Amino acid sequence: MSLEQIIYLLFIIFLLFSLYVKSKKIEHLEARIKQLSARSSGDGSEDERLLYLRNHLAELDKVKAIKALRKRYPELSLIEANELWQQR
């Protein structure tokens, strides 16, 4: 094998490895999305959030409570967190 062929072979191996790593990252992100969507789409999830808000964040002001709620439930949008705050 010539040096040029070895370089091409190494380049192809590098590309294949790079594709493998990217596909693993995509699989990991897809699993994370499924986990977050399953957590947010459950029937009792809103009740769970309201209960958390009432038990842990009742003494905080609105802004701090919404920030803490969104930190606990990262899939929660600002609008949803505000609606939960109004329901408390």
PDB file of N, CA and C in Angstrom:
ATOM      1  N   MET A   1       0.837  -1.181   0.000  1.00  0.00           N
ATOM      2  CA  MET A   1       0.000   0.000   0.000  1.00  0.00           C
ATOM      3  C   MET A   1       0.878   1.240   0.000  1.00  0.00           C
ATOM      4  N   SER A   2       0.433   2.190  -0.758  1.00  0.00           N
ATOM      5  CA  SER A   2       1.183   3.440  -0.800  1.00  0.00           C
ATOM      6  C   SER A   2       0.748   4.347   0.354  1.00  0.00           C
ATOM      7  N   LEU A   3       1.494   5.352   0.569  1.00  0.00           N
ATOM      8  CA  LEU A   3       1.198   6.305   1.637  1.00  0.00           C
ATOM      9  C   LEU A   3      -0.138   7.001   1.389  1.00  0.00           C
ATOM     10  N   GLU A   4      -0.414   7.291   0.147  1.00  0.00           N
ATOM     11  CA  GLU A   4      -1.673   7.943  -0.211  1.00  0.00           C
ATOM     12  C   GLU A   4      -2.864   7.049   0.122  1.00  0.00           C
ATOM     13  N   GLN A   5      -2.766   5.768  -0.133  1.00  0.00           N
ATOM     14  CA  GLN A   5      -3.851   4.833   0.180  1.00  0.00           C
ATOM     15  C   GLN A   5      -4.049   4.701   1.694  1.00  0.00           C
ATOM     16  N   ILE A   6      -2.960   4.709   2.420  1.00  0.00           N
ATOM     17  CA  ILE A   6      -3.049   4.629   3.882  1.00  0.00           C
ATOM     18  C   ILE A   6      -3.743   5.873   4.440  1.00  0.00           C
ATOM     19  N   ILE A   7      -3.406   7.019   3.886  1.00  0.00           N
ATOM     20  CA  ILE A   7      -4.046   8.264   4.331  1.00  0.00           C
ATOM     21  C   ILE A   7      -5.543   8.229   4.030  1.00  0.00           C
ATOM     22  N   TYR A   8      -5.919   7.769   2.839  1.00  0.00           N
ATOM     23  CA  TYR A   8      -7.342   7.646   2.498  1.00  0.00           C
ATOM     24  C   TYR A   8      -8.051   6.682   3.442  1.00  0.00           C
ATOM     25  N   LEU A   9      -7.411   5.583   3.744  1.00  0.00           N
ATOM     26  CA  LEU A   9      -7.996   4.590   4.642  1.00  0.00           C
ATOM     27  C   LEU A   9      -8.195   5.177   6.048  1.00  0.00           C
ATOM     28  N   LEU A  10      -7.203   5.885   6.547  1.00  0.00           N
ATOM     29  CA  LEU A  10      -7.331   6.527   7.852  1.00  0.00           C
ATOM     30  C   LEU A  10      -8.433   7.587   7.849  1.00  0.00           C
ATOM     31  N   PHE A  11      -8.543   8.316   6.763  1.00  0.00           N
ATOM     32  CA  PHE A  11      -9.586   9.323   6.640  1.00  0.00           C
ATOM     33  C   PHE A  11     -10.969   8.677   6.654  1.00  0.00           C
ATOM     34  N   ILE A  12     -11.135   7.576   5.963  1.00  0.00           N
ATOM     35  CA  ILE A  12     -12.413   6.858   5.938  1.00  0.00           C
ATOM     36  C   ILE A  12     -12.743   6.315   7.326  1.00  0.00           C
ATOM     37  N   ILE A  13     -11.746   5.769   8.004  1.00  0.00           N
ATOM     38  CA  ILE A  13     -11.966   5.267   9.367  1.00  0.00           C
ATOM     39  C   ILE A  13     -12.379   6.411  10.290  1.00  0.00           C
ATOM     40  N   PHE A  14     -11.730   7.545  10.151  1.00  0.00           N
ATOM     41  CA  PHE A  14     -12.094   8.710  10.958  1.00  0.00           C
ATOM     42  C   PHE A  14     -13.524   9.157  10.674  1.00  0.00           C
ATOM     43  N   LEU A  15     -13.918   9.177   9.408  1.00  0.00           N
ATOM     44  CA  LEU A  15     -15.286   9.563   9.058  1.00  0.00           C
ATOM     45  C   LEU A  15     -16.305   8.591   9.632  1.00  0.00           C
ATOM     46  N   LEU A  16     -16.017   7.304   9.550  1.00  0.00           N
ATOM     47  CA  LEU A  16     -16.935   6.310  10.104  1.00  0.00           C
ATOM     48  C   LEU A  16     -17.057   6.463  11.621  1.00  0.00           C
ATOM     49  N   PHE A  17     -15.955   6.680  12.276  1.00  0.00           N
ATOM     50  CA  PHE A  17     -15.979   6.886  13.724  1.00  0.00           C
ATOM     51  C   PHE A  17     -16.767   8.145  14.083  1.00  0.00           C
ATOM     52  N   SER A  18     -16.568   9.191  13.321  1.00  0.00           N
ATOM     53  CA  SER A  18     -17.290  10.437  13.554  1.00  0.00           C
ATOM     54  C   SER A  18     -18.795  10.239  13.376  1.00  0.00           C
ATOM     55  N   LEU A  19     -19.199   9.514  12.350  1.00  0.00           N
ATOM     56  CA  LEU A  19     -20.617   9.218  12.136  1.00  0.00           C
ATOM     57  C   LEU A  19     -21.183   8.387  13.278  1.00  0.00           C
ATOM     58  N   TYR A  20     -20.419   7.445  13.763  1.00  0.00           N
ATOM     59  CA  TYR A  20     -20.859   6.611  14.877  1.00  0.00           C
ATOM     60  C   TYR A  20     -21.095   7.457  16.130  1.00  0.00           C
ATOM     61  N   VAL A  21     -20.166   8.341  16.433  1.00  0.00           N
ATOM     62  CA  VAL A  21     -20.292   9.187  17.618  1.00  0.00           C
ATOM     63  C   VAL A  21     -21.505  10.107  17.492  1.00  0.00           C
ATOM     64  N   LYS A  22     -21.698  10.679  16.314  1.00  0.00           N
ATOM     65  CA  LYS A  22     -22.849  11.565  16.119  1.00  0.00           C
ATOM     66  C   LYS A  22     -24.159  10.803  16.229  1.00  0.00           C
ATOM     67  N   SER A  23     -24.206   9.578  15.718  1.00  0.00           N
ATOM     68  CA  SER A  23     -25.445   8.803  15.829  1.00  0.00           C
ATOM     69  C   SER A  23     -25.736   8.450  17.287  1.00  0.00           C
ATOM     70  N   LYS A  24     -24.698   8.183  18.075  1.00  0.00           N
ATOM     71  CA  LYS A  24     -24.899   7.916  19.500  1.00  0.00           C
ATOM     72  C   LYS A  24     -25.412   9.162  20.223  1.00  0.00           C
ATOM     73  N   LYS A  25     -24.898  10.330  19.858  1.00  0.00           N
ATOM     74  CA  LYS A  25     -25.382  11.563  20.462  1.00  0.00           C
ATOM     75  C   LYS A  25     -26.853  11.788  20.117  1.00  0.00           C
ATOM     76  N   ILE A  26     -27.216  11.515  18.871  1.00  0.00           N
ATOM     77  CA  ILE A  26     -28.608  11.674  18.449  1.00  0.00           C
ATOM     78  C   ILE A  26     -29.501  10.707  19.206  1.00  0.00           C
ATOM     79  N   GLU A  27     -29.070   9.463  19.363  1.00  0.00           N
ATOM     80  CA  GLU A  27     -29.860   8.489  20.119  1.00  0.00           C
ATOM     81  C   GLU A  27     -30.047   8.946  21.565  1.00  0.00           C
ATOM     82  N   HIS A  28     -28.989   9.487  22.143  1.00  0.00           N
ATOM     83  CA  HIS A  28     -29.073   9.974  23.521  1.00  0.00           C
ATOM     84  C   HIS A  28     -30.063  11.138  23.623  1.00  0.00           C
ATOM     85  N   LEU A  29     -30.010  12.062  22.674  1.00  0.00           N
ATOM     86  CA  LEU A  29     -30.926  13.195  22.692  1.00  0.00           C
ATOM     87  C   LEU A  29     -32.369  12.753  22.476  1.00  0.00           C
ATOM     88  N   GLU A  30     -32.582  11.776  21.587  1.00  0.00           N
ATOM     89  CA  GLU A  30     -33.933  11.256  21.369  1.00  0.00           C
ATOM     90  C   GLU A  30     -34.478  10.607  22.636  1.00  0.00           C
ATOM     91  N   ALA A  31     -33.638   9.867  23.332  1.00  0.00           N
ATOM     92  CA  ALA A  31     -34.070   9.241  24.585  1.00  0.00           C
ATOM     93  C   ALA A  31     -34.413  10.306  25.623  1.00  0.00           C
ATOM     94  N   ARG A  32     -33.628  11.364  25.667  1.00  0.00           N
ATOM     95  CA  ARG A  32     -33.893  12.452  26.616  1.00  0.00           C
ATOM     96  C   ARG A  32     -35.209  13.155  26.286  1.00  0.00           C
ATOM     97  N   ILE A  33     -35.479  13.363  25.003  1.00  0.00           N
ATOM     98  CA  ILE A  33     -36.737  13.986  24.589  1.00  0.00           C
ATOM     99  C   ILE A  33     -37.915  13.105  24.965  1.00  0.00           C
ATOM    100  N   LYS A  34     -37.789  11.801  24.737  1.00  0.00           N
ATOM    101  CA  LYS A  34     -38.859  10.879  25.119  1.00  0.00           C
ATOM    102  C   LYS A  34     -39.097  10.922  26.621  1.00  0.00           C
ATOM    103  N   GLN A  35     -38.011  10.967  27.384  1.00  0.00           N
ATOM    104  CA  GLN A  35     -38.128  11.005  28.841  1.00  0.00           C
ATOM    105  C   GLN A  35     -38.839  12.280  29.289  1.00  0.00           C
ATOM    106  N   LEU A  36     -38.452  13.403  28.722  1.00  0.00           N
ATOM    107  CA  LEU A  36     -39.074  14.664  29.106  1.00  0.00           C
ATOM    108  C   LEU A  36     -40.522  14.746  28.655  1.00  0.00           C
ATOM    109  N   SER A  37     -40.811  14.246  27.460  1.00  0.00           N
ATOM    110  CA  SER A  37     -42.191  14.309  26.981  1.00  0.00           C
ATOM    111  C   SER A  37     -43.082  13.351  27.760  1.00  0.00           C
ATOM    112  N   ALA A  38     -42.558  12.212  28.170  1.00  0.00           N
ATOM    113  CA  ALA A  38     -43.347  11.276  28.976  1.00  0.00           C
ATOM    114  C   ALA A  38     -43.626  11.875  30.346  1.00  0.00           C
ATOM    115  N   ARG A  39     -42.665  12.586  30.876  1.00  0.00           N
ATOM    116  CA  ARG A  39     -42.827  13.203  32.186  1.00  0.00           C
ATOM    117  C   ARG A  39     -43.830  14.351  32.137  1.00  0.00           C
ATOM    118  N   SER A  40     -43.873  15.053  31.007  1.00  0.00           N
ATOM    119  CA  SER A  40     -44.765  16.210  30.930  1.00  0.00           C
ATOM    120  C   SER A  40     -46.151  15.849  30.427  1.00  0.00           C
ATOM    121  N   SER A  41     -46.335  14.689  29.809  1.00  0.00           N
ATOM    122  CA  SER A  41     -47.633  14.360  29.228  1.00  0.00           C
ATOM    123  C   SER A  41     -48.465  13.437  30.097  1.00  0.00           C
ATOM    124  N   GLY A  42     -47.972  13.086  31.262  1.00  0.00           N
ATOM    125  CA  GLY A  42     -48.727  12.203  32.145  1.00  0.00           C
ATOM    126  C   GLY A  42     -49.966  12.887  32.686  1.00  0.00           C
ATOM    127  N   ASP A  43     -50.989  12.109  33.065  1.00  0.00           N
ATOM    128  CA  ASP A  43     -52.235  12.678  33.555  1.00  0.00           C
ATOM    129  C   ASP A  43     -52.037  13.411  34.870  1.00  0.00           C
ATOM    130  N   GLY A  44     -51.238  12.856  35.752  1.00  0.00           N
ATOM    131  CA  GLY A  44     -51.047  13.461  37.056  1.00  0.00           C
ATOM    132  C   GLY A  44     -49.927  14.467  37.108  1.00  0.00           C
ATOM    133  N   SER A  45     -49.308  14.777  35.977  1.00  0.00           N
ATOM    134  CA  SER A  45     -48.140  15.651  36.015  1.00  0.00           C
ATOM    135  C   SER A  45     -48.505  17.067  36.440  1.00  0.00           C
ATOM    136  N   GLU A  46     -49.641  17.571  35.972  1.00  0.00           N
ATOM    137  CA  GLU A  46     -50.030  18.918  36.381  1.00  0.00           C
ATOM    138  C   GLU A  46     -50.362  18.939  37.870  1.00  0.00           C
ATOM    139  N   ASP A  47     -51.028  17.889  38.335  1.00  0.00           N
ATOM    140  CA  ASP A  47     -51.321  17.800  39.766  1.00  0.00           C
ATOM    141  C   ASP A  47     -50.038  17.718  40.582  1.00  0.00           C
ATOM    142  N   GLU A  48     -49.083  16.958  40.067  1.00  0.00           N
ATOM    143  CA  GLU A  48     -47.797  16.831  40.759  1.00  0.00           C
ATOM    144  C   GLU A  48     -47.095  18.182  40.836  1.00  0.00           C
ATOM    145  N   ARG A  49     -47.146  18.936  39.752  1.00  0.00           N
ATOM    146  CA  ARG A  49     -46.513  20.257  39.736  1.00  0.00           C
ATOM    147  C   ARG A  49     -47.213  21.220  40.693  1.00  0.00           C
ATOM    148  N   LEU A  50     -48.545  21.180  40.680  1.00  0.00           N
ATOM    149  CA  LEU A  50     -49.296  22.046  41.592  1.00  0.00           C
ATOM    150  C   LEU A  50     -48.994  21.703  43.047  1.00  0.00           C
ATOM    151  N   LEU A  51     -48.923  20.419  43.334  1.00  0.00           N
ATOM    152  CA  LEU A  51     -48.614  19.980  44.690  1.00  0.00           C
ATOM    153  C   LEU A  51     -47.224  20.460  45.105  1.00  0.00           C
ATOM    154  N   TYR A  52     -46.257  20.330  44.195  1.00  0.00           N
ATOM    155  CA  TYR A  52     -44.902  20.814  44.471  1.00  0.00           C
ATOM    156  C   TYR A  52     -44.917  22.320  44.714  1.00  0.00           C
ATOM    157  N   LEU A  53     -45.657  23.031  43.881  1.00  0.00           N
ATOM    158  CA  LEU A  53     -45.738  24.483  44.020  1.00  0.00           C
ATOM    159  C   LEU A  53     -46.353  24.870  45.359  1.00  0.00           C
ATOM    160  N   ARG A  54     -47.415  24.202  45.733  1.00  0.00           N
ATOM    161  CA  ARG A  54     -48.088  24.528  46.996  1.00  0.00           C
ATOM    162  C   ARG A  54     -47.238  24.169  48.209  1.00  0.00           C
ATOM    163  N   ASN A  55     -46.569  23.036  48.150  1.00  0.00           N
ATOM    164  CA  ASN A  55     -45.810  22.565  49.316  1.00  0.00           C
ATOM    165  C   ASN A  55     -44.474  23.268  49.500  1.00  0.00           C
ATOM    166  N   HIS A  56     -43.764  23.493  48.400  1.00  0.00           N
ATOM    167  CA  HIS A  56     -42.388  23.974  48.519  1.00  0.00           C
ATOM    168  C   HIS A  56     -42.203  25.445  48.180  1.00  0.00           C
ATOM    169  N   LEU A  57     -43.087  25.985  47.370  1.00  0.00           N
ATOM    170  CA  LEU A  57     -42.825  27.323  46.859  1.00  0.00           C
ATOM    171  C   LEU A  57     -43.860  28.350  47.290  1.00  0.00           C
ATOM    172  N   ALA A  58     -44.728  27.989  48.209  1.00  0.00           N
ATOM    173  CA  ALA A  58     -45.802  28.900  48.608  1.00  0.00           C
ATOM    174  C   ALA A  58     -45.263  30.164  49.274  1.00  0.00           C
ATOM    175  N   GLU A  59     -44.148  30.050  49.981  1.00  0.00           N
ATOM    176  CA  GLU A  59     -43.625  31.204  50.704  1.00  0.00           C
ATOM    177  C   GLU A  59     -42.801  32.131  49.811  1.00  0.00           C
ATOM    178  N   LEU A  60     -42.468  31.703  48.603  1.00  0.00           N
ATOM    179  CA  LEU A  60     -41.661  32.526  47.702  1.00  0.00           C
ATOM    180  C   LEU A  60     -42.541  33.490  46.914  1.00  0.00           C
ATOM    181  N   ASP A  61     -41.921  34.572  46.440  1.00  0.00           N
ATOM    182  CA  ASP A  61     -42.673  35.463  45.569  1.00  0.00           C
ATOM    183  C   ASP A  61     -42.838  34.816  44.194  1.00  0.00           C
ATOM    184  N   LYS A  62     -43.610  35.434  43.361  1.00  0.00           N
ATOM    185  CA  LYS A  62     -44.006  34.835  42.083  1.00  0.00           C
ATOM    186  C   LYS A  62     -42.804  34.496  41.201  1.00  0.00           C
ATOM    187  N   VAL A  63     -41.901  35.425  41.023  1.00  0.00           N
ATOM    188  CA  VAL A  63     -40.765  35.222  40.120  1.00  0.00           C
ATOM    189  C   VAL A  63     -39.871  34.092  40.615  1.00  0.00           C
ATOM    190  N   LYS A  64     -39.544  34.100  41.899  1.00  0.00           N
ATOM    191  CA  LYS A  64     -38.681  33.052  42.454  1.00  0.00           C
ATOM    192  C   LYS A  64     -39.362  31.692  42.385  1.00  0.00           C
ATOM    193  N   ALA A  65     -40.659  31.658  42.642  1.00  0.00           N
ATOM    194  CA  ALA A  65     -41.390  30.393  42.597  1.00  0.00           C
ATOM    195  C   ALA A  65     -41.431  29.830  41.184  1.00  0.00           C
ATOM    196  N   ILE A  66     -41.665  30.689  40.204  1.00  0.00           N
ATOM    197  CA  ILE A  66     -41.706  30.227  38.810  1.00  0.00           C
ATOM    198  C   ILE A  66     -40.330  29.740  38.377  1.00  0.00           C
ATOM    199  N   LYS A  67     -39.273  30.444  38.776  1.00  0.00           N
ATOM    200  CA  LYS A  67     -37.915  29.999  38.440  1.00  0.00           C
ATOM    201  C   LYS A  67     -37.615  28.637  39.052  1.00  0.00           C
ATOM    202  N   ALA A  68     -37.992  28.460  40.313  1.00  0.00           N
ATOM    203  CA  ALA A  68     -37.748  27.179  40.984  1.00  0.00           C
ATOM    204  C   ALA A  68     -38.575  26.064  40.357  1.00  0.00           C
ATOM    205  N   LEU A  69     -39.803  26.378  39.981  1.00  0.00           N
ATOM    206  CA  LEU A  69     -40.665  25.386  39.343  1.00  0.00           C
ATOM    207  C   LEU A  69     -40.097  24.954  37.995  1.00  0.00           C
ATOM    208  N   ARG A  70     -39.596  25.910  37.220  1.00  0.00           N
ATOM    209  CA  ARG A  70     -39.017  25.583  35.913  1.00  0.00           C
ATOM    210  C   ARG A  70     -37.677  24.870  36.051  1.00  0.00           C
ATOM    211  N   LYS A  71     -36.964  25.125  37.140  1.00  0.00           N
ATOM    212  CA  LYS A  71     -35.718  24.395  37.377  1.00  0.00           C
ATOM    213  C   LYS A  71     -36.021  22.941  37.702  1.00  0.00           C
ATOM    214  N   ARG A  72     -37.080  22.720  38.478  1.00  0.00           N
ATOM    215  CA  ARG A  72     -37.482  21.356  38.842  1.00  0.00           C
ATOM    216  C   ARG A  72     -38.074  20.617  37.642  1.00  0.00           C
ATOM    217  N   TYR A  73     -38.841  21.322  36.824  1.00  0.00           N
ATOM    218  CA  TYR A  73     -39.488  20.741  35.637  1.00  0.00           C
ATOM    219  C   TYR A  73     -39.020  21.516  34.405  1.00  0.00           C
ATOM    220  N   PRO A  74     -37.876  21.153  33.823  1.00  0.00           N
ATOM    221  CA  PRO A  74     -37.307  21.947  32.725  1.00  0.00           C
ATOM    222  C   PRO A  74     -38.156  21.947  31.452  1.00  0.00           C
ATOM    223  N   GLU A  75     -39.048  20.975  31.313  1.00  0.00           N
ATOM    224  CA  GLU A  75     -39.883  20.932  30.114  1.00  0.00           C
ATOM    225  C   GLU A  75     -41.040  21.921  30.187  1.00  0.00           C
ATOM    226  N   LEU A  76     -41.230  22.540  31.335  1.00  0.00           N
ATOM    227  CA  LEU A  76     -42.327  23.474  31.570  1.00  0.00           C
ATOM    228  C   LEU A  76     -41.992  24.824  30.943  1.00  0.00           C
ATOM    229  N   SER A  77     -42.914  25.349  30.140  1.00  0.00           N
ATOM    230  CA  SER A  77     -42.681  26.660  29.539  1.00  0.00           C
ATOM    231  C   SER A  77     -42.996  27.751  30.557  1.00  0.00           C
ATOM    232  N   LEU A  78     -42.577  28.946  30.237  1.00  0.00           N
ATOM    233  CA  LEU A  78     -42.829  30.073  31.129  1.00  0.00           C
ATOM    234  C   LEU A  78     -44.326  30.333  31.260  1.00  0.00           C
ATOM    235  N   ILE A  79     -45.042  30.198  30.170  1.00  0.00           N
ATOM    236  CA  ILE A  79     -46.493  30.414  30.190  1.00  0.00           C
ATOM    237  C   ILE A  79     -47.177  29.364  31.055  1.00  0.00           C
ATOM    238  N   GLU A  80     -46.764  28.102  30.904  1.00  0.00           N
ATOM    239  CA  GLU A  80     -47.355  27.030  31.714  1.00  0.00           C
ATOM    240  C   GLU A  80     -47.051  27.230  33.198  1.00  0.00           C
ATOM    241  N   ALA A  81     -45.834  27.634  33.502  1.00  0.00           N
ATOM    242  CA  ALA A  81     -45.465  27.871  34.902  1.00  0.00           C
ATOM    243  C   ALA A  81     -46.270  29.026  35.485  1.00  0.00           C
ATOM    244  N   ASN A  82     -46.475  30.059  34.689  1.00  0.00           N
ATOM    245  CA  ASN A  82     -47.280  31.188  35.144  1.00  0.00           C
ATOM    246  C   ASN A  82     -48.728  30.766  35.382  1.00  0.00           C
ATOM    247  N   GLU A  83     -49.276  29.931  34.502  1.00  0.00           N
ATOM    248  CA  GLU A  83     -50.642  29.431  34.687  1.00  0.00           C
ATOM    249  C   GLU A  83     -50.748  28.588  35.955  1.00  0.00           C
ATOM    250  N   LEU A  84     -49.739  27.770  36.216  1.00  0.00           N
ATOM    251  CA  LEU A  84     -49.736  26.988  37.451  1.00  0.00           C
ATOM    252  C   LEU A  84     -49.678  27.893  38.675  1.00  0.00           C
ATOM    253  N   TRP A  85     -48.875  28.951  38.589  1.00  0.00           N
ATOM    254  CA  TRP A  85     -48.788  29.886  39.704  1.00  0.00           C
ATOM    255  C   TRP A  85     -50.153  30.518  39.971  1.00  0.00           C
ATOM    256  N   GLN A  86     -50.879  30.845  38.910  1.00  0.00           N
ATOM    257  CA  GLN A  86     -52.197  31.458  39.077  1.00  0.00           C
ATOM    258  C   GLN A  86     -53.212  30.466  39.642  1.00  0.00           C
ATOM    259  N   GLN A  87     -53.019  29.172  39.392  1.00  0.00           N
ATOM    260  CA  GLN A  87     -53.945  28.153  39.886  1.00  0.00           C
ATOM    261  C   GLN A  87     -53.724  27.832  41.363  1.00  0.00           C
ATOM    262  N   ARG A  88     -52.557  28.136  41.869  1.00  0.00           N
ATOM    263  CA  ARG A  88     -52.229  27.724  43.229  1.00  0.00           C
ATOM    264  C   ARG A  88     -53.226  28.290  44.175  1.00  0.00           C
TER     265      ARG A  88
END
